[in-house]
PDB file of N, CA and C in Angstrom:
ATOM      1  N   MET A   1      28.643  -7.683   3.241  1.00  0.00           N
ATOM      2  CA  MET A   1      28.782  -9.123   3.154  1.00  0.00           C
ATOM      3  C   MET A   1      27.978  -9.771   4.286  1.00  0.00           C
ATOM      4  N   LYS A   2      27.329 -10.859   3.989  1.00  0.00           N
ATOM      5  CA  LYS A   2      26.552 -11.529   5.025  1.00  0.00           C
ATOM      6  C   LYS A   2      27.142 -12.898   5.345  1.00  0.00           C
ATOM      7  N   GLU A   3      26.949 -13.293   6.598  1.00  0.00           N
ATOM      8  CA  GLU A   3      27.470 -14.563   7.098  1.00  0.00           C
ATOM      9  C   GLU A   3      26.319 -15.378   7.667  1.00  0.00           C
ATOM     10  N   GLN A   4      26.223 -16.620   7.250  1.00  0.00           N
ATOM     11  CA  GLN A   4      25.196 -17.523   7.766  1.00  0.00           C
ATOM     12  C   GLN A   4      25.677 -18.120   9.084  1.00  0.00           C
ATOM     13  N   ILE A   5      24.793 -18.137  10.091  1.00  0.00           N
ATOM     14  CA  ILE A   5      25.078 -18.744  11.387  1.00  0.00           C
ATOM     15  C   ILE A   5      24.191 -19.974  11.529  1.00  0.00           C
ATOM     16  N   THR A   6      24.812 -21.109  11.853  1.00  0.00           N
ATOM     17  CA  THR A   6      24.048 -22.335  12.082  1.00  0.00           C
ATOM     18  C   THR A   6      24.613 -23.070  13.294  1.00  0.00           C
ATOM     19  N   THR A   7      23.747 -23.808  13.951  1.00  0.00           N
ATOM     20  CA  THR A   7      24.153 -24.639  15.075  1.00  0.00           C
ATOM     21  C   THR A   7      23.236 -25.848  15.165  1.00  0.00           C
ATOM     22  N   SER A   8      23.802 -26.961  15.576  1.00  0.00           N
ATOM     23  CA  SER A   8      22.992 -28.162  15.794  1.00  0.00           C
ATOM     24  C   SER A   8      22.303 -28.105  17.154  1.00  0.00           C
ATOM     25  N   GLU A   9      22.604 -27.071  17.953  1.00  0.00           N
ATOM     26  CA  GLU A   9      21.998 -26.907  19.277  1.00  0.00           C
ATOM     27  C   GLU A   9      20.648 -26.204  19.214  1.00  0.00           C
ATOM     28  N   ALA A  10      20.215 -25.863  18.007  1.00  0.00           N
ATOM     29  CA  ALA A  10      18.893 -25.270  17.783  1.00  0.00           C
ATOM     30  C   ALA A  10      18.273 -26.022  16.603  1.00  0.00           C
ATOM     31  N   PRO A  11      16.946 -25.953  16.463  1.00  0.00           N
ATOM     32  CA  PRO A  11      16.300 -26.691  15.375  1.00  0.00           C
ATOM     33  C   PRO A  11      16.813 -26.273  14.003  1.00  0.00           C
ATOM     34  N   LYS A  12      16.927 -27.237  13.119  1.00  0.00           N
ATOM     35  CA  LYS A  12      17.316 -26.959  11.748  1.00  0.00           C
ATOM     36  C   LYS A  12      16.214 -26.158  11.070  1.00  0.00           C
ATOM     37  N   ALA A  13      16.589 -25.373  10.095  1.00  0.00           N
ATOM     38  CA  ALA A  13      15.603 -24.641   9.305  1.00  0.00           C
ATOM     39  C   ALA A  13      14.697 -25.649   8.596  1.00  0.00           C
ATOM     40  N   ILE A  14      13.396 -25.364   8.573  1.00  0.00           N
ATOM     41  CA  ILE A  14      12.448 -26.275   7.925  1.00  0.00           C
ATOM     42  C   ILE A  14      12.033 -25.751   6.556  1.00  0.00           C
ATOM     43  N   GLY A  15      12.833 -24.868   6.014  1.00  0.00           N
ATOM     44  CA  GLY A  15      12.564 -24.292   4.703  1.00  0.00           C
ATOM     45  C   GLY A  15      13.817 -23.624   4.174  1.00  0.00           C
ATOM     46  N   PRO A  16      13.680 -22.864   3.097  1.00  0.00           N
ATOM     47  CA  PRO A  16      14.834 -22.201   2.492  1.00  0.00           C
ATOM     48  C   PRO A  16      15.188 -20.891   3.216  1.00  0.00           C
ATOM     49  N   TYR A  17      15.674 -21.018   4.443  1.00  0.00           N
ATOM     50  CA  TYR A  17      16.105 -19.861   5.225  1.00  0.00           C
ATOM     51  C   TYR A  17      17.218 -20.305   6.166  1.00  0.00           C
ATOM     52  N   SER A  18      17.893 -19.335   6.743  1.00  0.00           N
ATOM     53  CA  SER A  18      18.988 -19.584   7.682  1.00  0.00           C
ATOM     54  C   SER A  18      18.483 -19.450   9.103  1.00  0.00           C
ATOM     55  N   GLN A  19      19.125 -20.152  10.041  1.00  0.00           N
ATOM     56  CA  GLN A  19      18.802 -19.938  11.456  1.00  0.00           C
ATOM     57  C   GLN A  19      19.057 -18.478  11.799  1.00  0.00           C
ATOM     58  N   ALA A  20      20.180 -17.955  11.312  1.00  0.00           N
ATOM     59  CA  ALA A  20      20.512 -16.557  11.534  1.00  0.00           C
ATOM     60  C   ALA A  20      21.492 -16.092  10.471  1.00  0.00           C
ATOM     61  N   VAL A  21      21.496 -14.784  10.245  1.00  0.00           N
ATOM     62  CA  VAL A  21      22.415 -14.161   9.301  1.00  0.00           C
ATOM     63  C   VAL A  21      22.996 -12.915   9.960  1.00  0.00           C
ATOM     64  N   ARG A  22      24.346 -12.788   9.870  1.00  0.00           N
ATOM     65  CA  ARG A  22      25.023 -11.607  10.415  1.00  0.00           C
ATOM     66  C   ARG A  22      25.363 -10.669   9.262  1.00  0.00           C
ATOM     67  N   VAL A  23      24.996  -9.386   9.440  1.00  0.00           N
ATOM     68  CA  VAL A  23      25.282  -8.341   8.463  1.00  0.00           C
ATOM     69  C   VAL A  23      25.629  -7.068   9.212  1.00  0.00           C
ATOM     70  N   ASP A  24      26.771  -6.468   8.888  1.00  0.00           N
ATOM     71  CA  ASP A  24      27.173  -5.183   9.457  1.00  0.00           C
ATOM     72  C   ASP A  24      27.059  -5.139  10.979  1.00  0.00           C
ATOM     73  N   GLY A  25      27.454  -6.201  11.645  1.00  0.00           N
ATOM     74  CA  GLY A  25      27.445  -6.221  13.106  1.00  0.00           C
ATOM     75  C   GLY A  25      26.110  -6.586  13.730  1.00  0.00           C
ATOM     76  N   PHE A  26      25.089  -6.765  12.927  1.00  0.00           N
ATOM     77  CA  PHE A  26      23.778  -7.165  13.434  1.00  0.00           C
ATOM     78  C   PHE A  26      23.550  -8.639  13.123  1.00  0.00           C
ATOM     79  N   LEU A  27      22.869  -9.319  14.025  1.00  0.00           N
ATOM     80  CA  LEU A  27      22.487 -10.711  13.818  1.00  0.00           C
ATOM     81  C   LEU A  27      20.969 -10.769  13.713  1.00  0.00           C
ATOM     82  N   PHE A  28      20.489 -11.243  12.575  1.00  0.00           N
ATOM     83  CA  PHE A  28      19.058 -11.379  12.330  1.00  0.00           C
ATOM     84  C   PHE A  28      18.709 -12.851  12.492  1.00  0.00           C
ATOM     85  N   ILE A  29      17.896 -13.159  13.500  1.00  0.00           N
ATOM     86  CA  ILE A  29      17.558 -14.536  13.840  1.00  0.00           C
ATOM     87  C   ILE A  29      16.147 -14.834  13.354  1.00  0.00           C
ATOM     88  N   SER A  30      16.039 -15.881  12.553  1.00  0.00           N
ATOM     89  CA  SER A  30      14.737 -16.281  12.011  1.00  0.00           C
ATOM     90  C   SER A  30      13.788 -16.687  13.131  1.00  0.00           C
ATOM     91  N   GLY A  31      12.519 -16.749  12.811  1.00  0.00           N
ATOM     92  CA  GLY A  31      11.521 -17.202  13.770  1.00  0.00           C
ATOM     93  C   GLY A  31      11.896 -18.577  14.315  1.00  0.00           C
ATOM     94  N   ILE A  32      11.896 -18.691  15.634  1.00  0.00           N
ATOM     95  CA  ILE A  32      12.310 -19.921  16.310  1.00  0.00           C
ATOM     96  C   ILE A  32      11.077 -20.627  16.852  1.00  0.00           C
ATOM     97  N   LEU A  33      10.968 -21.895  16.514  1.00  0.00           N
ATOM     98  CA  LEU A  33       9.861 -22.719  16.991  1.00  0.00           C
ATOM     99  C   LEU A  33      10.284 -23.524  18.225  1.00  0.00           C
ATOM    100  N   PRO A  34       9.313 -24.026  18.979  1.00  0.00           N
ATOM    101  CA  PRO A  34       9.612 -24.816  20.187  1.00  0.00           C
ATOM    102  C   PRO A  34       9.931 -26.273  19.873  1.00  0.00           C
ATOM    103  N   ILE A  35      10.964 -26.463  19.079  1.00  0.00           N
ATOM    104  CA  ILE A  35      11.391 -27.797  18.682  1.00  0.00           C
ATOM    105  C   ILE A  35      12.649 -28.157  19.456  1.00  0.00           C
ATOM    106  N   ASP A  36      12.665 -29.348  20.011  1.00  0.00           N
ATOM    107  CA  ASP A  36      13.850 -29.854  20.709  1.00  0.00           C
ATOM    108  C   ASP A  36      14.862 -30.256  19.640  1.00  0.00           C
ATOM    109  N   PRO A  37      16.025 -29.598  19.593  1.00  0.00           N
ATOM    110  CA  PRO A  37      16.991 -29.910  18.533  1.00  0.00           C
ATOM    111  C   PRO A  37      17.558 -31.329  18.622  1.00  0.00           C
ATOM    112  N   LYS A  38      17.496 -31.945  19.797  1.00  0.00           N
ATOM    113  CA  LYS A  38      18.019 -33.312  19.947  1.00  0.00           C
ATOM    114  C   LYS A  38      17.099 -34.342  19.304  1.00  0.00           C
ATOM    115  N   THR A  39      15.783 -34.095  19.391  1.00  0.00           N
ATOM    116  CA  THR A  39      14.816 -35.063  18.851  1.00  0.00           C
ATOM    117  C   THR A  39      14.197 -34.609  17.529  1.00  0.00           C
ATOM    118  N   GLY A  40      14.252 -33.306  17.268  1.00  0.00           N
ATOM    119  CA  GLY A  40      13.602 -32.762  16.086  1.00  0.00           C
ATOM    120  C   GLY A  40      12.093 -32.683  16.223  1.00  0.00           C
ATOM    121  N   GLN A  41      11.594 -32.898  17.448  1.00  0.00           N
ATOM    122  CA  GLN A  41      10.152 -32.904  17.703  1.00  0.00           C
ATOM    123  C   GLN A  41       9.726 -31.673  18.516  1.00  0.00           C
ATOM    124  N   MET A  42       8.480 -31.296  18.321  1.00  0.00           N
ATOM    125  CA  MET A  42       7.886 -30.222  19.099  1.00  0.00           C
ATOM    126  C   MET A  42       7.788 -30.663  20.555  1.00  0.00           C
ATOM    127  N   VAL A  43       8.072 -29.731  21.478  1.00  0.00           N
ATOM    128  CA  VAL A  43       7.918 -30.056  22.896  1.00  0.00           C
ATOM    129  C   VAL A  43       6.430 -30.077  23.248  1.00  0.00           C
ATOM    130  N   GLU A  44       6.124 -30.407  24.496  1.00  0.00           N
ATOM    131  CA  GLU A  44       4.728 -30.508  24.953  1.00  0.00           C
ATOM    132  C   GLU A  44       3.894 -29.311  24.484  1.00  0.00           C
ATOM    133  N   MET A  45       2.643 -29.570  24.214  1.00  0.00           N
ATOM    134  CA  MET A  45       1.749 -28.528  23.710  1.00  0.00           C
ATOM    135  C   MET A  45       1.175 -27.680  24.843  1.00  0.00           C
ATOM    136  N   ASN A  46       2.070 -27.060  25.629  1.00  0.00           N
ATOM    137  CA  ASN A  46       1.640 -26.052  26.590  1.00  0.00           C
ATOM    138  C   ASN A  46       2.567 -24.857  26.451  1.00  0.00           C
ATOM    139  N   ILE A  47       2.056 -23.686  26.724  1.00  0.00           N
ATOM    140  CA  ILE A  47       2.782 -22.454  26.433  1.00  0.00           C
ATOM    141  C   ILE A  47       4.052 -22.302  27.268  1.00  0.00           C
ATOM    142  N   ARG A  48       4.066 -22.788  28.490  1.00  0.00           N
ATOM    143  CA  ARG A  48       5.257 -22.643  29.331  1.00  0.00           C
ATOM    144  C   ARG A  48       6.428 -23.441  28.757  1.00  0.00           C
ATOM    145  N   ASP A  49       6.216 -24.714  28.452  1.00  0.00           N
ATOM    146  CA  ASP A  49       7.279 -25.552  27.896  1.00  0.00           C
ATOM    147  C   ASP A  49       7.731 -25.035  26.533  1.00  0.00           C
ATOM    148  N   GLN A  50       6.781 -24.602  25.735  1.00  0.00           N
ATOM    149  CA  GLN A  50       7.135 -24.130  24.405  1.00  0.00           C
ATOM    150  C   GLN A  50       7.925 -22.819  24.466  1.00  0.00           C
ATOM    151  N   THR A  51       7.537 -21.910  25.348  1.00  0.00           N
ATOM    152  CA  THR A  51       8.277 -20.652  25.489  1.00  0.00           C
ATOM    153  C   THR A  51       9.694 -20.911  25.977  1.00  0.00           C
ATOM    154  N   LEU A  52       9.840 -21.772  26.963  1.00  0.00           N
ATOM    155  CA  LEU A  52      11.164 -22.102  27.486  1.00  0.00           C
ATOM    156  C   LEU A  52      12.041 -22.712  26.388  1.00  0.00           C
ATOM    157  N   GLN A  53      11.493 -23.603  25.578  1.00  0.00           N
ATOM    158  CA  GLN A  53      12.271 -24.222  24.504  1.00  0.00           C
ATOM    159  C   GLN A  53      12.699 -23.189  23.474  1.00  0.00           C
ATOM    160  N   VAL A  54      11.789 -22.295  23.102  1.00  0.00           N
ATOM    161  CA  VAL A  54      12.127 -21.252  22.137  1.00  0.00           C
ATOM    162  C   VAL A  54      13.263 -20.381  22.677  1.00  0.00           C
ATOM    163  N   MET A  55      13.180 -19.997  23.939  1.00  0.00           N
ATOM    164  CA  MET A  55      14.220 -19.146  24.519  1.00  0.00           C
ATOM    165  C   MET A  55      15.557 -19.885  24.602  1.00  0.00           C
ATOM    166  N   ASN A  56      15.535 -21.171  24.923  1.00  0.00           N
ATOM    167  CA  ASN A  56      16.772 -21.963  24.938  1.00  0.00           C
ATOM    168  C   ASN A  56      17.358 -22.068  23.529  1.00  0.00           C
ATOM    169  N   ASN A  57      16.500 -22.236  22.535  1.00  0.00           N
ATOM    170  CA  ASN A  57      16.960 -22.287  21.151  1.00  0.00           C
ATOM    171  C   ASN A  57      17.563 -20.938  20.731  1.00  0.00           C
ATOM    172  N   LEU A  58      16.948 -19.852  21.176  1.00  0.00           N
ATOM    173  CA  LEU A  58      17.471 -18.516  20.892  1.00  0.00           C
ATOM    174  C   LEU A  58      18.876 -18.361  21.471  1.00  0.00           C
ATOM    175  N   GLU A  59      19.042 -18.777  22.722  1.00  0.00           N
ATOM    176  CA  GLU A  59      20.364 -18.689  23.353  1.00  0.00           C
ATOM    177  C   GLU A  59      21.403 -19.520  22.592  1.00  0.00           C
ATOM    178  N   ALA A  60      21.019 -20.679  22.097  1.00  0.00           N
ATOM    179  CA  ALA A  60      21.954 -21.538  21.355  1.00  0.00           C
ATOM    180  C   ALA A  60      22.414 -20.866  20.060  1.00  0.00           C
ATOM    181  N   ILE A  61      21.505 -20.214  19.374  1.00  0.00           N
ATOM    182  CA  ILE A  61      21.868 -19.516  18.137  1.00  0.00           C
ATOM    183  C   ILE A  61      22.773 -18.332  18.449  1.00  0.00           C
ATOM    184  N   LEU A  62      22.436 -17.592  19.486  1.00  0.00           N
ATOM    185  CA  LEU A  62      23.281 -16.460  19.895  1.00  0.00           C
ATOM    186  C   LEU A  62      24.685 -16.938  20.246  1.00  0.00           C
ATOM    187  N   GLU A  63      24.777 -18.020  20.991  1.00  0.00           N
ATOM    188  CA  GLU A  63      26.076 -18.573  21.376  1.00  0.00           C
ATOM    189  C   GLU A  63      26.885 -18.976  20.152  1.00  0.00           C
ATOM    190  N   ALA A  64      26.239 -19.568  19.165  1.00  0.00           N
ATOM    191  CA  ALA A  64      26.924 -19.962  17.931  1.00  0.00           C
ATOM    192  C   ALA A  64      27.497 -18.751  17.204  1.00  0.00           C
ATOM    193  N   ALA A  65      26.877 -17.603  17.408  1.00  0.00           N
ATOM    194  CA  ALA A  65      27.341 -16.358  16.787  1.00  0.00           C
ATOM    195  C   ALA A  65      28.310 -15.599  17.681  1.00  0.00           C
ATOM    196  N   GLY A  66      28.620 -16.161  18.868  1.00  0.00           N
ATOM    197  CA  GLY A  66      29.527 -15.491  19.801  1.00  0.00           C
ATOM    198  C   GLY A  66      28.864 -14.373  20.578  1.00  0.00           C
ATOM    199  N   LEU A  67      27.545 -14.444  20.718  1.00  0.00           N
ATOM    200  CA  LEU A  67      26.785 -13.411  21.423  1.00  0.00           C
ATOM    201  C   LEU A  67      26.064 -14.008  22.627  1.00  0.00           C
ATOM    202  N   LYS A  68      25.450 -13.120  23.405  1.00  0.00           N
ATOM    203  CA  LYS A  68      24.673 -13.521  24.578  1.00  0.00           C
ATOM    204  C   LYS A  68      23.274 -12.937  24.461  1.00  0.00           C
ATOM    205  N   ILE A  69      22.403 -13.392  25.332  1.00  0.00           N
ATOM    206  CA  ILE A  69      21.020 -12.907  25.339  1.00  0.00           C
ATOM    207  C   ILE A  69      20.973 -11.386  25.567  1.00  0.00           C
ATOM    208  N   SER A  70      21.955 -10.860  26.276  1.00  0.00           N
ATOM    209  CA  SER A  70      22.005  -9.410  26.527  1.00  0.00           C
ATOM    210  C   SER A  70      22.296  -8.612  25.259  1.00  0.00           C
ATOM    211  N   ASN A  71      22.733  -9.270  24.187  1.00  0.00           N
ATOM    212  CA  ASN A  71      22.984  -8.607  22.909  1.00  0.00           C
ATOM    213  C   ASN A  71      21.713  -8.424  22.077  1.00  0.00           C
ATOM    214  N   VAL A  72      20.610  -9.026  22.507  1.00  0.00           N
ATOM    215  CA  VAL A  72      19.352  -8.919  21.754  1.00  0.00           C
ATOM    216  C   VAL A  72      18.793  -7.507  21.928  1.00  0.00           C
ATOM    217  N   VAL A  73      18.489  -6.862  20.788  1.00  0.00           N
ATOM    218  CA  VAL A  73      17.965  -5.498  20.819  1.00  0.00           C
ATOM    219  C   VAL A  73      16.491  -5.415  20.418  1.00  0.00           C
ATOM    220  N   LYS A  74      15.982  -6.437  19.727  1.00  0.00           N
ATOM    221  CA  LYS A  74      14.577  -6.426  19.291  1.00  0.00           C
ATOM    222  C   LYS A  74      14.083  -7.844  19.122  1.00  0.00           C
ATOM    223  N   THR A  75      12.882  -8.115  19.584  1.00  0.00           N
ATOM    224  CA  THR A  75      12.237  -9.401  19.343  1.00  0.00           C
ATOM    225  C   THR A  75      10.816  -9.168  18.832  1.00  0.00           C
ATOM    226  N   THR A  76      10.323 -10.151  18.144  1.00  0.00           N
ATOM    227  CA  THR A  76       8.912 -10.201  17.786  1.00  0.00           C
ATOM    228  C   THR A  76       8.410 -11.565  18.231  1.00  0.00           C
ATOM    229  N   ILE A  77       7.345 -11.545  19.032  1.00  0.00           N
ATOM    230  CA  ILE A  77       6.729 -12.768  19.528  1.00  0.00           C
ATOM    231  C   ILE A  77       5.414 -12.972  18.784  1.00  0.00           C
ATOM    232  N   PHE A  78       5.259 -14.155  18.244  1.00  0.00           N
ATOM    233  CA  PHE A  78       4.017 -14.536  17.575  1.00  0.00           C
ATOM    234  C   PHE A  78       3.335 -15.571  18.457  1.00  0.00           C
ATOM    235  N   LEU A  79       2.117 -15.269  18.895  1.00  0.00           N
ATOM    236  CA  LEU A  79       1.361 -16.167  19.764  1.00  0.00           C
ATOM    237  C   LEU A  79       0.094 -16.632  19.057  1.00  0.00           C
ATOM    238  N   LYS A  80      -0.192 -17.910  19.198  1.00  0.00           N
ATOM    239  CA  LYS A  80      -1.444 -18.443  18.657  1.00  0.00           C
ATOM    240  C   LYS A  80      -2.629 -17.950  19.474  1.00  0.00           C
ATOM    241  N   ASP A  81      -2.401 -17.687  20.767  1.00  0.00           N
ATOM    242  CA  ASP A  81      -3.473 -17.249  21.658  1.00  0.00           C
ATOM    243  C   ASP A  81      -2.923 -16.178  22.603  1.00  0.00           C
ATOM    244  N   LEU A  82      -3.369 -14.948  22.428  1.00  0.00           N
ATOM    245  CA  LEU A  82      -2.862 -13.827  23.227  1.00  0.00           C
ATOM    246  C   LEU A  82      -3.212 -13.958  24.708  1.00  0.00           C
ATOM    247  N   SER A  83      -4.108 -14.862  25.061  1.00  0.00           N
ATOM    248  CA  SER A  83      -4.406 -15.072  26.485  1.00  0.00           C
ATOM    249  C   SER A  83      -3.206 -15.692  27.210  1.00  0.00           C
ATOM    250  N   HIS A  84      -2.210 -16.178  26.470  1.00  0.00           N
ATOM    251  CA  HIS A  84      -0.987 -16.726  27.063  1.00  0.00           C
ATOM    252  C   HIS A  84       0.057 -15.645  27.354  1.00  0.00           C
ATOM    253  N   PHE A  85      -0.292 -14.391  27.091  1.00  0.00           N
ATOM    254  CA  PHE A  85       0.643 -13.276  27.201  1.00  0.00           C
ATOM    255  C   PHE A  85       1.375 -13.235  28.551  1.00  0.00           C
ATOM    256  N   ASN A  86       0.657 -13.361  29.654  1.00  0.00           N
ATOM    257  CA  ASN A  86       1.287 -13.272  30.977  1.00  0.00           C
ATOM    258  C   ASN A  86       2.241 -14.429  31.247  1.00  0.00           C
ATOM    259  N   GLU A  87       1.870 -15.630  30.866  1.00  0.00           N
ATOM    260  CA  GLU A  87       2.762 -16.789  31.054  1.00  0.00           C
ATOM    261  C   GLU A  87       4.034 -16.633  30.220  1.00  0.00           C
ATOM    262  N   VAL A  88       3.867 -16.172  29.002  1.00  0.00           N
ATOM    263  CA  VAL A  88       5.030 -15.948  28.132  1.00  0.00           C
ATOM    264  C   VAL A  88       5.926 -14.881  28.747  1.00  0.00           C
ATOM    265  N   ASN A  89       5.338 -13.789  29.223  1.00  0.00           N
ATOM    266  CA  ASN A  89       6.113 -12.711  29.851  1.00  0.00           C
ATOM    267  C   ASN A  89       6.943 -13.215  31.019  1.00  0.00           C
ATOM    268  N   ASP A  90       6.371 -14.078  31.850  1.00  0.00           N
ATOM    269  CA  ASP A  90       7.094 -14.612  33.009  1.00  0.00           C
ATOM    270  C   ASP A  90       8.374 -15.329  32.581  1.00  0.00           C
ATOM    271  N   ILE A  91       8.267 -16.191  31.609  1.00  0.00           N
ATOM    272  CA  ILE A  91       9.425 -16.980  31.165  1.00  0.00           C
ATOM    273  C   ILE A  91      10.374 -16.108  30.349  1.00  0.00           C
ATOM    274  N   TYR A  92       9.855 -15.393  29.385  1.00  0.00           N
ATOM    275  CA  TYR A  92      10.650 -14.503  28.533  1.00  0.00           C
ATOM    276  C   TYR A  92      11.441 -13.513  29.391  1.00  0.00           C
ATOM    277  N   GLY A  93      10.767 -12.884  30.336  1.00  0.00           N
ATOM    278  CA  GLY A  93      11.406 -11.885  31.193  1.00  0.00           C
ATOM    279  C   GLY A  93      12.520 -12.449  32.044  1.00  0.00           C
ATOM    280  N   SER A  94      12.436 -13.718  32.410  1.00  0.00           N
ATOM    281  CA  SER A  94      13.478 -14.330  33.242  1.00  0.00           C
ATOM    282  C   SER A  94      14.807 -14.461  32.495  1.00  0.00           C
ATOM    283  N   PHE A  95      14.792 -14.352  31.182  1.00  0.00           N
ATOM    284  CA  PHE A  95      16.014 -14.451  30.394  1.00  0.00           C
ATOM    285  C   PHE A  95      16.733 -13.111  30.256  1.00  0.00           C
ATOM    286  N   PHE A  96      16.040 -12.012  30.531  1.00  0.00           N
ATOM    287  CA  PHE A  96      16.617 -10.680  30.345  1.00  0.00           C
ATOM    288  C   PHE A  96      16.788  -9.985  31.688  1.00  0.00           C
ATOM    289  N   SER A  97      17.977 -10.158  32.302  1.00  0.00           N
ATOM    290  CA  SER A  97      18.234  -9.564  33.609  1.00  0.00           C
ATOM    291  C   SER A  97      18.647  -8.099  33.499  1.00  0.00           C
ATOM    292  N   GLU A  98      19.145  -7.719  32.326  1.00  0.00           N
ATOM    293  CA  GLU A  98      19.546  -6.334  32.108  1.00  0.00           C
ATOM    294  C   GLU A  98      18.440  -5.611  31.356  1.00  0.00           C
ATOM    295  N   ILE A  99      18.808  -4.669  30.547  1.00  0.00           N
ATOM    296  CA  ILE A  99      17.823  -3.917  29.767  1.00  0.00           C
ATOM    297  C   ILE A  99      17.151  -4.868  28.774  1.00  0.00           C
ATOM    298  N   PRO A 100      15.835  -5.050  28.887  1.00  0.00           N
ATOM    299  CA  PRO A 100      15.160  -5.953  27.940  1.00  0.00           C
ATOM    300  C   PRO A 100      15.123  -5.314  26.546  1.00  0.00           C
ATOM    301  N   PRO A 101      15.055  -6.148  25.520  1.00  0.00           N
ATOM    302  CA  PRO A 101      15.018  -5.602  24.158  1.00  0.00           C
ATOM    303  C   PRO A 101      13.668  -4.954  23.852  1.00  0.00           C
ATOM    304  N   ALA A 102      13.658  -4.154  22.808  1.00  0.00           N
ATOM    305  CA  ALA A 102      12.382  -3.680  22.269  1.00  0.00           C
ATOM    306  C   ALA A 102      11.633  -4.921  21.789  1.00  0.00           C
ATOM    307  N   ARG A 103      10.296  -4.843  21.771  1.00  0.00           N
ATOM    308  CA  ARG A 103       9.553  -6.056  21.459  1.00  0.00           C
ATOM    309  C   ARG A 103       8.183  -5.730  20.883  1.00  0.00           C
ATOM    310  N   SER A 104       7.729  -6.603  20.012  1.00  0.00           N
ATOM    311  CA  SER A 104       6.347  -6.619  19.539  1.00  0.00           C
ATOM    312  C   SER A 104       5.789  -7.985  19.876  1.00  0.00           C
ATOM    313  N   CYS A 105       4.480  -8.044  20.138  1.00  0.00           N
ATOM    314  CA  CYS A 105       3.825  -9.323  20.402  1.00  0.00           C
ATOM    315  C   CYS A 105       2.526  -9.329  19.604  1.00  0.00           C
ATOM    316  N   ILE A 106       2.382 -10.339  18.769  1.00  0.00           N
ATOM    317  CA  ILE A 106       1.278 -10.383  17.821  1.00  0.00           C
ATOM    318  C   ILE A 106       0.555 -11.716  17.929  1.00  0.00           C
ATOM    319  N   GLU A 107      -0.778 -11.674  17.972  1.00  0.00           N
ATOM    320  CA  GLU A 107      -1.554 -12.909  17.906  1.00  0.00           C
ATOM    321  C   GLU A 107      -1.757 -13.267  16.437  1.00  0.00           C
ATOM    322  N   VAL A 108      -1.525 -14.542  16.137  1.00  0.00           N
ATOM    323  CA  VAL A 108      -1.674 -15.029  14.760  1.00  0.00           C
ATOM    324  C   VAL A 108      -2.636 -16.209  14.742  1.00  0.00           C
ATOM    325  N   SER A 109      -3.199 -16.495  13.585  1.00  0.00           N
ATOM    326  CA  SER A 109      -4.173 -17.585  13.517  1.00  0.00           C
ATOM    327  C   SER A 109      -3.508 -18.959  13.522  1.00  0.00           C
ATOM    328  N   ARG A 110      -2.283 -19.036  13.007  1.00  0.00           N
ATOM    329  CA  ARG A 110      -1.615 -20.331  12.961  1.00  0.00           C
ATOM    330  C   ARG A 110      -0.121 -20.129  12.777  1.00  0.00           C
ATOM    331  N   LEU A 111       0.656 -21.054  13.351  1.00  0.00           N
ATOM    332  CA  LEU A 111       2.111 -21.037  13.221  1.00  0.00           C
ATOM    333  C   LEU A 111       2.573 -22.355  12.609  1.00  0.00           C
ATOM    334  N   PRO A 112       3.791 -22.380  12.034  1.00  0.00           N
ATOM    335  CA  PRO A 112       4.293 -23.635  11.482  1.00  0.00           C
ATOM    336  C   PRO A 112       4.257 -24.756  12.518  1.00  0.00           C
ATOM    337  N   LYS A 113       3.932 -25.942  12.060  1.00  0.00           N
ATOM    338  CA  LYS A 113       3.841 -27.147  12.892  1.00  0.00           C
ATOM    339  C   LYS A 113       2.825 -26.993  14.029  1.00  0.00           C
ATOM    340  N   ASP A 114       1.901 -26.043  13.888  1.00  0.00           N
ATOM    341  CA  ASP A 114       0.868 -25.762  14.887  1.00  0.00           C
ATOM    342  C   ASP A 114       1.437 -25.396  16.256  1.00  0.00           C
ATOM    343  N   ALA A 115       2.612 -24.780  16.257  1.00  0.00           N
ATOM    344  CA  ALA A 115       3.223 -24.310  17.509  1.00  0.00           C
ATOM    345  C   ALA A 115       2.332 -23.254  18.151  1.00  0.00           C
ATOM    346  N   LEU A 116       2.502 -23.076  19.446  1.00  0.00           N
ATOM    347  CA  LEU A 116       1.769 -22.051  20.183  1.00  0.00           C
ATOM    348  C   LEU A 116       2.501 -20.719  20.175  1.00  0.00           C
ATOM    349  N   ILE A 117       3.830 -20.753  19.906  1.00  0.00           N
ATOM    350  CA  ILE A 117       4.664 -19.558  19.962  1.00  0.00           C
ATOM    351  C   ILE A 117       5.808 -19.676  18.964  1.00  0.00           C
ATOM    352  N   GLU A 118       6.223 -18.527  18.460  1.00  0.00           N
ATOM    353  CA  GLU A 118       7.415 -18.397  17.630  1.00  0.00           C
ATOM    354  C   GLU A 118       8.014 -17.037  17.961  1.00  0.00           C
ATOM    355  N   ILE A 119       9.345 -16.981  18.058  1.00  0.00           N
ATOM    356  CA  ILE A 119      10.010 -15.708  18.354  1.00  0.00           C
ATOM    357  C   ILE A 119      11.136 -15.502  17.359  1.00  0.00           C
ATOM    358  N   GLU A 120      11.201 -14.280  16.810  1.00  0.00           N
ATOM    359  CA  GLU A 120      12.344 -13.876  15.989  1.00  0.00           C
ATOM    360  C   GLU A 120      13.071 -12.765  16.720  1.00  0.00           C
ATOM    361  N   ALA A 121      14.355 -12.575  16.389  1.00  0.00           N
ATOM    362  CA  ALA A 121      15.148 -11.594  17.141  1.00  0.00           C
ATOM    363  C   ALA A 121      16.203 -10.939  16.278  1.00  0.00           C
ATOM    364  N   ILE A 122      16.616  -9.766  16.740  1.00  0.00           N
ATOM    365  CA  ILE A 122      17.754  -9.053  16.167  1.00  0.00           C
ATOM    366  C   ILE A 122      18.705  -8.773  17.327  1.00  0.00           C
ATOM    367  N   ALA A 123      19.982  -9.066  17.104  1.00  0.00           N
ATOM    368  CA  ALA A 123      20.993  -8.843  18.145  1.00  0.00           C
ATOM    369  C   ALA A 123      22.159  -8.064  17.555  1.00  0.00           C
ATOM    370  N   ARG A 124      22.931  -7.454  18.466  1.00  0.00           N
ATOM    371  CA  ARG A 124      24.128  -6.728  18.032  1.00  0.00           C
ATOM    372  C   ARG A 124      25.182  -6.862  19.087  1.00  0.00           C
TER     373      ARG A 124
END
């Protein structure tokens, strides 16, 4: 059985998908964009602000599911420009004080709403 997880503290889905779905003790979190959930608008077009917003949105979804950032076991980071890798690592890494999750990082040609970054995650 699957359970849909939603919160107004993270951006609403912009298509036919859930913010997150829980199945068999795992939480599958859809790709998160750097959208401020209070305004519904993309944050500043720089990688630092966008990464921070995505990570804050991730924490909000985890909290809605009764989990913490330490419960994340796998992430996939999609970057519009891989030259931002080090800046993203600095901010991303500051959220994981314990064992960091497994991770993939992929450069893509374009992201929804022309974002610079999108992150999806699996937690348990």
